[in-house]
């Protein structure tokens, strides 16, 4: 049975930041995958499936909803091990995704234990199964793409941090963009082969650019200057741990390779900053700004009168010592 035709990534309207993040992950899978946030109907799965084509011939595997731990990691046949003296392994989703993309829809709805296991294997590239003293390990190198709708629940910060990059999709495209999206979707549904043929050149160009960047990656140094830029900004953002620094540095190098550069520049660091910090930041960009100098007394009064200072503040009133103030409508003592 042939695989269904996938909507080409090059034909996706908008979502430029997400397409860039996916391309950077294709260039350097060690970045650690991408977590895509956004409301329903934003073509998150379509974009994720487009990444498999950029990686080459690797499979695109979807983790089924409600999957058990055995379905994820695979199982060992103890009877065969005892009778034949060797471990007989039935592969799970992790083995099937080796060399390709593992797509997890609504990752925030999975049990935390499964998410933790999934992220551990994605980071190590190896899946190990142990059962009653019998163990088996296999390669499980894949790019992890997770999607979630924040309205349906959040991921714990410890799990969020395990995703390399984080991108949020806007849920309200402008009318012109919406029209383009609908037209292209209808054209694809009407004749998928013809639509893909129409976009074959653009898709091939995108794939070739990723492949060239992947080959050039090893020639780009992870230099001290780029590391200094990144560590200072991670410190200013109040980021816990060091994963953000490493992911950000790798993503900046991948961006340098993507644009065809020979050394990481500050523009590369800036281009991927939000991808690395969005789900790890403890200090907002506004809080990172130095405090402004306090206004002079006259200026403060002008601000209050103009409505731009402290709302509800009253101008100072003189107080006469030694005299009792008369308050209207209050009963006086006889």
Protein backbone atom coordinates (compact mmCIF):
# COMPACT_ATOMS: atom_id res chain seq x y z
CA UNK A 1 0.00 0.00 0.00
CA UNK A 2 1.52 3.31 -1.09
CA UNK A 3 1.96 6.20 1.31
CA UNK A 4 -0.53 9.07 0.95
CA UNK A 5 0.72 12.15 -0.85
CA UNK A 6 1.81 14.85 1.61
CA UNK A 7 1.17 18.56 1.24
CA UNK A 8 4.56 20.12 0.30
CA UNK A 9 6.11 22.38 2.92
CA UNK A 10 7.08 24.92 0.28
CA UNK A 11 3.39 25.45 -0.55
CA UNK A 12 2.34 26.31 3.00
CA UNK A 13 1.14 29.90 3.25
CA UNK A 14 2.73 31.97 6.02
CA UNK A 15 4.01 30.28 9.21
CA UNK A 16 7.49 31.50 8.25
CA UNK A 17 8.87 31.20 11.78
CA UNK A 18 7.72 27.61 12.12
CA UNK A 19 9.05 26.67 8.69
CA UNK A 20 12.41 28.14 9.69
CA UNK A 21 12.44 26.22 12.97
CA UNK A 22 11.64 22.97 11.13
CA UNK A 23 14.40 23.60 8.59
CA UNK A 24 16.92 24.30 11.36
CA UNK A 25 15.94 21.03 13.03
CA UNK A 26 16.41 19.20 9.72
CA UNK A 27 19.87 20.76 9.42
CA UNK A 28 20.89 19.76 12.96
CA UNK A 29 18.62 17.14 14.57
CA UNK A 30 20.68 17.48 17.77
CA UNK A 31 18.77 20.71 18.44
CA UNK A 32 16.17 18.49 20.05
CA UNK A 33 12.94 18.80 18.10
CA UNK A 34 10.20 21.40 17.97
CA UNK A 35 7.13 21.99 20.12
CA UNK A 36 4.37 23.71 18.12
CA UNK A 37 1.69 25.58 20.02
CA UNK A 38 -1.50 26.88 18.47
CA UNK A 39 -5.27 26.53 18.25
CA UNK A 40 -7.05 23.85 16.24
CA UNK A 41 -7.14 24.09 12.46
CA UNK A 42 -3.70 25.73 12.04
CA UNK A 43 -2.21 22.92 9.88
CA UNK A 44 0.28 21.92 12.57
CA UNK A 45 0.34 18.31 11.38
CA UNK A 46 0.72 19.38 7.73
CA UNK A 47 3.77 21.44 8.62
CA UNK A 48 5.25 18.65 10.71
CA UNK A 49 4.81 16.12 7.90
CA UNK A 50 6.65 18.46 5.54
CA UNK A 51 9.77 18.05 7.67
CA UNK A 52 10.11 14.35 6.77
CA UNK A 53 10.70 15.27 3.13
CA UNK A 54 13.51 17.66 4.10
CA UNK A 55 15.26 14.89 6.02
CA UNK A 56 15.35 12.61 2.99
CA UNK A 57 13.88 9.14 2.90
CA UNK A 58 13.21 8.79 6.62
CA UNK A 59 9.78 7.64 7.82
CA UNK A 60 7.11 9.85 9.32
CA UNK A 61 5.57 8.06 12.30
CA UNK A 62 2.65 9.29 14.37
CA UNK A 63 2.23 8.25 17.98
CA UNK A 64 -1.39 7.06 18.30
CA UNK A 65 -3.59 8.71 20.87
CA UNK A 66 -3.96 6.55 23.96
CA UNK A 67 -0.82 4.55 23.16
CA UNK A 68 0.54 2.42 25.99
CA UNK A 69 4.16 2.30 27.11
CA UNK A 70 4.61 -1.08 25.36
CA UNK A 71 3.24 0.39 22.13
CA UNK A 72 5.78 3.18 22.43
CA UNK A 73 8.95 1.30 23.38
CA UNK A 74 8.18 -2.20 22.06
CA UNK A 75 7.96 -5.55 23.83
CA UNK A 76 10.16 -8.53 24.61
CA UNK A 77 8.90 -12.11 24.14
CA UNK A 78 9.97 -13.92 27.31
CA UNK A 79 8.83 -17.34 26.07
CA UNK A 80 11.05 -17.05 23.00
CA UNK A 81 13.93 -15.83 25.17
CA UNK A 82 13.64 -18.81 27.52
CA UNK A 83 13.06 -21.37 24.78
CA UNK A 84 15.56 -20.15 22.18
CA UNK A 85 18.03 -18.40 24.44
CA UNK A 86 17.77 -15.07 22.69
CA UNK A 87 15.71 -11.92 23.09
CA UNK A 88 12.90 -11.65 20.57
CA UNK A 89 11.92 -8.03 20.22
CA UNK A 90 8.66 -6.68 18.80
CA UNK A 91 9.39 -3.09 17.71
CA UNK A 92 7.29 -0.20 18.93
CA UNK A 93 6.77 3.33 17.67
CA UNK A 94 10.28 4.42 18.68
CA UNK A 95 11.91 1.75 16.51
CA UNK A 96 9.64 2.57 13.57
CA UNK A 97 10.62 6.26 13.73
CA UNK A 98 14.38 5.59 13.62
CA UNK A 99 15.96 7.84 10.98
CA UNK A 100 12.85 9.95 10.45
CA UNK A 101 10.27 12.06 12.25
CA UNK A 102 8.17 11.10 15.27
CA UNK A 103 5.05 13.22 15.41
CA UNK A 104 3.11 13.49 18.68
CA UNK A 105 -0.18 15.33 18.39
CA UNK A 106 -1.59 16.90 21.57
CA UNK A 107 1.54 15.99 23.51
CA UNK A 108 0.19 17.89 26.51
CA UNK A 109 -2.57 15.30 26.85
CA UNK A 110 -0.16 12.34 27.17
CA UNK A 111 0.68 10.99 30.63
CA UNK A 112 3.80 12.65 32.01
CA UNK A 113 5.55 9.28 32.30
CA UNK A 114 5.20 8.67 28.56
CA UNK A 115 6.33 12.18 27.67
CA UNK A 116 9.36 11.84 29.94
CA UNK A 117 10.28 8.49 28.38
CA UNK A 118 9.78 9.85 24.90
CA UNK A 119 12.04 12.85 25.53
CA UNK A 120 14.73 10.70 27.16
CA UNK A 121 14.96 8.47 24.08
CA UNK A 122 14.88 11.46 21.73
CA UNK A 123 17.84 12.99 23.58
CA UNK A 124 19.93 9.80 23.77
CA UNK A 125 19.07 8.30 20.38
CA UNK A 126 18.82 4.83 21.95
CA UNK A 127 15.85 2.88 23.28
CA UNK A 128 16.53 0.23 25.92
CA UNK A 129 13.95 -2.27 27.14
CA UNK A 130 14.41 -4.43 30.22
CA UNK A 131 12.06 -7.16 31.40
CA UNK A 132 12.73 -9.83 34.03
CA UNK A 133 16.48 -9.62 33.61
CA UNK A 134 16.39 -9.60 29.80
CA UNK A 135 17.34 -6.44 27.98
CA UNK A 136 17.39 -5.20 24.41
CA UNK A 137 18.51 -1.90 22.92
CA UNK A 138 18.18 -0.39 19.48
CA UNK A 139 18.83 2.86 17.68
CA UNK A 140 16.04 5.42 17.91
CA UNK A 141 17.37 8.56 16.26
CA UNK A 142 14.51 10.74 15.14
CA UNK A 143 13.38 14.34 15.09
CA UNK A 144 10.61 14.84 17.63
CA UNK A 145 7.77 17.16 16.68
CA UNK A 146 5.08 17.78 19.28
CA UNK A 147 1.95 19.88 18.99
CA UNK A 148 -0.36 21.22 21.65
CA UNK A 149 -3.29 23.53 22.12
CA UNK A 150 -2.56 25.49 25.33
CA UNK A 151 -6.29 25.90 25.93
CA UNK A 152 -6.52 22.14 26.55
CA UNK A 153 -3.77 21.93 29.17
CA UNK A 154 -0.14 22.79 29.74
CA UNK A 155 3.06 20.78 29.93
CA UNK A 156 5.09 20.83 33.11
CA UNK A 157 8.10 23.21 32.87
CA UNK A 158 10.49 20.25 33.24
CA UNK A 159 8.99 18.66 30.12
CA UNK A 160 8.75 21.92 28.19
CA UNK A 161 12.47 22.43 28.68
CA UNK A 162 13.22 19.10 27.01
CA UNK A 163 11.95 20.33 23.65
CA UNK A 164 14.71 22.14 21.79
CA UNK A 165 12.66 24.85 20.09
CA UNK A 166 9.20 26.25 20.74
CA UNK A 167 7.05 28.08 18.18
CA UNK A 168 3.58 29.56 18.63
CA UNK A 169 1.23 29.86 15.66
CA UNK A 170 -1.11 32.81 15.39
CA UNK A 171 -4.75 31.78 15.17
CA UNK A 172 -6.04 34.68 13.10
CA UNK A 173 -4.56 34.96 9.59
CA UNK A 174 -5.46 38.04 7.59
CA UNK A 175 -8.20 37.71 4.93
CA UNK A 176 -5.74 37.64 2.00
CA UNK A 177 -3.70 34.86 3.62
CA UNK A 178 -6.86 32.91 4.46
CA UNK A 179 -7.93 33.04 0.80
CA UNK A 180 -4.55 31.70 -0.34
CA UNK A 181 -4.70 28.90 2.22
CA UNK A 182 -8.18 27.82 1.12
CA UNK A 183 -7.33 27.97 -2.60
CA UNK A 184 -4.20 25.83 -2.19
CA UNK A 185 -5.96 23.34 0.05
CA UNK A 186 -8.80 22.92 -2.44
CA UNK A 187 -6.31 22.50 -5.29
CA UNK A 188 -4.42 19.84 -3.35
CA UNK A 189 -7.58 17.94 -2.40
CA UNK A 190 -8.78 18.04 -6.01
CA UNK A 191 -5.58 16.59 -7.52
CA UNK A 192 -2.72 15.93 -5.06
CA UNK A 193 -0.27 14.70 -7.73
CA UNK A 194 -0.79 17.72 -9.97
CA UNK A 195 -0.50 20.09 -7.03
CA UNK A 196 2.75 18.49 -5.84
CA UNK A 197 4.11 18.60 -9.39
CA UNK A 198 3.36 22.33 -9.48
CA UNK A 199 5.38 22.86 -6.31
CA UNK A 200 8.07 20.25 -7.02
CA UNK A 201 10.72 22.79 -8.03
CA UNK A 202 10.22 24.96 -4.94
CA UNK A 203 10.18 21.89 -2.68
CA UNK A 204 13.35 20.52 -4.28
CA UNK A 205 15.05 23.88 -3.81
CA UNK A 206 14.10 23.91 -0.12
CA UNK A 207 15.31 20.33 0.32
CA UNK A 208 18.61 21.10 -1.43
CA UNK A 209 19.19 24.16 0.72
CA UNK A 210 18.73 22.09 3.89
CA UNK A 211 21.08 19.39 2.60
CA UNK A 212 23.80 21.91 1.72
CA UNK A 213 23.47 23.53 5.13
CA UNK A 214 23.72 20.11 6.79
CA UNK A 215 26.99 19.42 4.99
CA UNK A 216 28.40 22.85 5.89
CA UNK A 217 27.43 22.59 9.55
CA UNK A 218 30.62 20.87 10.71
CA UNK A 219 32.75 23.68 9.25
CA UNK A 220 31.09 26.35 11.41
CA UNK A 221 32.74 26.74 14.81
CA UNK A 222 30.79 27.03 18.05
CA UNK A 223 32.96 30.04 18.94
CA UNK A 224 33.42 31.88 22.21
CA UNK A 225 31.88 35.14 21.01
CA UNK A 226 28.59 33.50 20.07
CA UNK A 227 28.61 31.60 23.37
CA UNK A 228 29.14 34.87 25.28
CA UNK A 229 26.17 36.53 23.54
CA UNK A 230 23.94 33.58 24.34
CA UNK A 231 24.96 32.94 27.94
CA UNK A 232 24.53 36.61 28.86
CA UNK A 233 21.02 36.65 27.40
CA UNK A 234 20.06 33.37 29.04
CA UNK A 235 21.21 34.77 32.37
CA UNK A 236 19.22 37.98 31.81
CA UNK A 237 16.13 35.90 30.97
CA UNK A 238 16.40 33.96 34.23
CA UNK A 239 16.64 30.60 32.47
CA UNK A 240 17.08 27.55 34.71
CA UNK A 241 19.73 25.02 33.76
CA UNK A 242 22.00 25.07 30.73
CA UNK A 243 19.91 23.32 28.07
CA UNK A 244 18.73 26.65 26.63
CA UNK A 245 22.33 27.82 26.11
CA UNK A 246 23.29 24.64 24.25
CA UNK A 247 20.12 24.52 22.13
CA UNK A 248 20.40 28.21 21.28
CA UNK A 249 24.05 27.82 20.24
CA UNK A 250 23.25 24.85 18.01
CA UNK A 251 20.27 26.65 16.47
CA UNK A 252 22.37 29.76 15.80
CA UNK A 253 24.99 27.62 14.05
CA UNK A 254 22.28 25.91 12.00
CA UNK A 255 20.91 29.33 11.04
CA UNK A 256 24.40 30.40 9.97
CA UNK A 257 24.60 27.33 7.73
CA UNK A 258 21.07 28.02 6.46
CA UNK A 259 22.05 31.51 5.23
CA UNK A 260 25.35 30.24 3.83
CA UNK A 261 27.62 31.98 6.35
CA UNK A 262 31.06 30.87 7.52
CA UNK A 263 30.86 32.04 11.16
CA UNK A 264 28.06 32.67 13.63
CA UNK A 265 27.05 36.32 13.71
CA UNK A 266 24.89 38.19 16.19
CA UNK A 267 22.11 38.20 13.59
CA UNK A 268 22.04 34.39 13.76
CA UNK A 269 21.75 34.53 17.54
CA UNK A 270 18.90 37.04 17.29
CA UNK A 271 17.06 35.05 14.61
CA UNK A 272 16.57 32.00 16.84
CA UNK A 273 16.37 33.71 20.24
CA UNK A 274 12.61 33.40 20.68
CA UNK A 275 12.64 29.75 19.57
CA UNK A 276 15.04 28.86 22.39
CA UNK A 277 13.70 31.18 25.09
CA UNK A 278 9.94 31.22 24.65
CA UNK A 279 9.23 28.16 26.80
CA UNK A 280 12.12 28.68 29.23
CA UNK A 281 12.10 32.40 29.97
CA UNK A 282 11.41 33.47 33.56
CA UNK A 283 12.05 37.17 33.02
CA UNK A 284 10.04 38.92 30.30
CA UNK A 285 11.78 41.26 27.82
CA UNK A 286 10.06 44.23 29.50
CA UNK A 287 11.49 43.21 32.88
CA UNK A 288 14.96 43.00 31.37
CA UNK A 289 14.87 46.73 30.51
CA UNK A 290 16.82 48.97 32.93
CA UNK A 291 14.52 50.97 35.24
CA UNK A 292 13.84 54.49 34.08
CA UNK A 293 15.00 57.41 36.21
CA UNK A 294 12.31 58.79 38.53
CA UNK A 295 10.67 61.98 37.26
CA UNK A 296 11.14 65.31 38.96
CA UNK A 297 8.50 66.44 41.38
CA UNK A 298 7.07 68.98 38.96
CA UNK A 299 7.00 66.44 36.14
CA UNK A 300 5.31 63.87 38.40
CA UNK A 301 2.57 66.33 39.17
CA UNK A 302 2.16 67.08 35.49
CA UNK A 303 1.92 63.36 34.74
CA UNK A 304 -0.76 62.93 37.37
CA UNK A 305 -2.76 65.83 36.02
CA UNK A 306 -2.38 64.54 32.49
CA UNK A 307 -3.66 61.09 33.40
CA UNK A 308 -0.38 59.29 32.58
CA UNK A 309 1.02 58.97 36.10
CA UNK A 310 -0.39 57.12 39.10
CA UNK A 311 -4.09 56.63 38.43
CA UNK A 312 -6.28 57.83 41.27
CA UNK A 313 -3.52 59.91 42.89
CA UNK A 314 -4.64 63.24 44.41
CA UNK A 315 -2.58 66.43 44.34
CA UNK A 316 -0.95 67.32 47.68
CA UNK A 317 -3.14 69.36 50.09
CA UNK A 318 -1.76 71.80 52.65
CA UNK A 319 -2.36 70.83 56.26
CA UNK A 320 -2.79 73.64 58.83
CA UNK A 321 -1.37 72.63 62.20
CA UNK A 322 -3.24 73.51 65.37
CA UNK A 323 -6.63 73.89 63.66
CA UNK A 324 -9.46 71.46 63.25
CA UNK A 325 -10.60 70.86 59.67
CA UNK A 326 -14.30 71.24 59.00
CA UNK A 327 -15.68 68.30 57.07
CA UNK A 328 -19.03 68.99 55.34
CA UNK A 329 -22.07 66.99 56.49
CA UNK A 330 -20.34 65.58 59.51
CA UNK A 331 -22.13 66.13 62.82
CA UNK A 332 -20.30 68.48 65.19
CA UNK A 333 -19.87 67.82 68.85
CA UNK A 334 -22.21 69.95 71.03
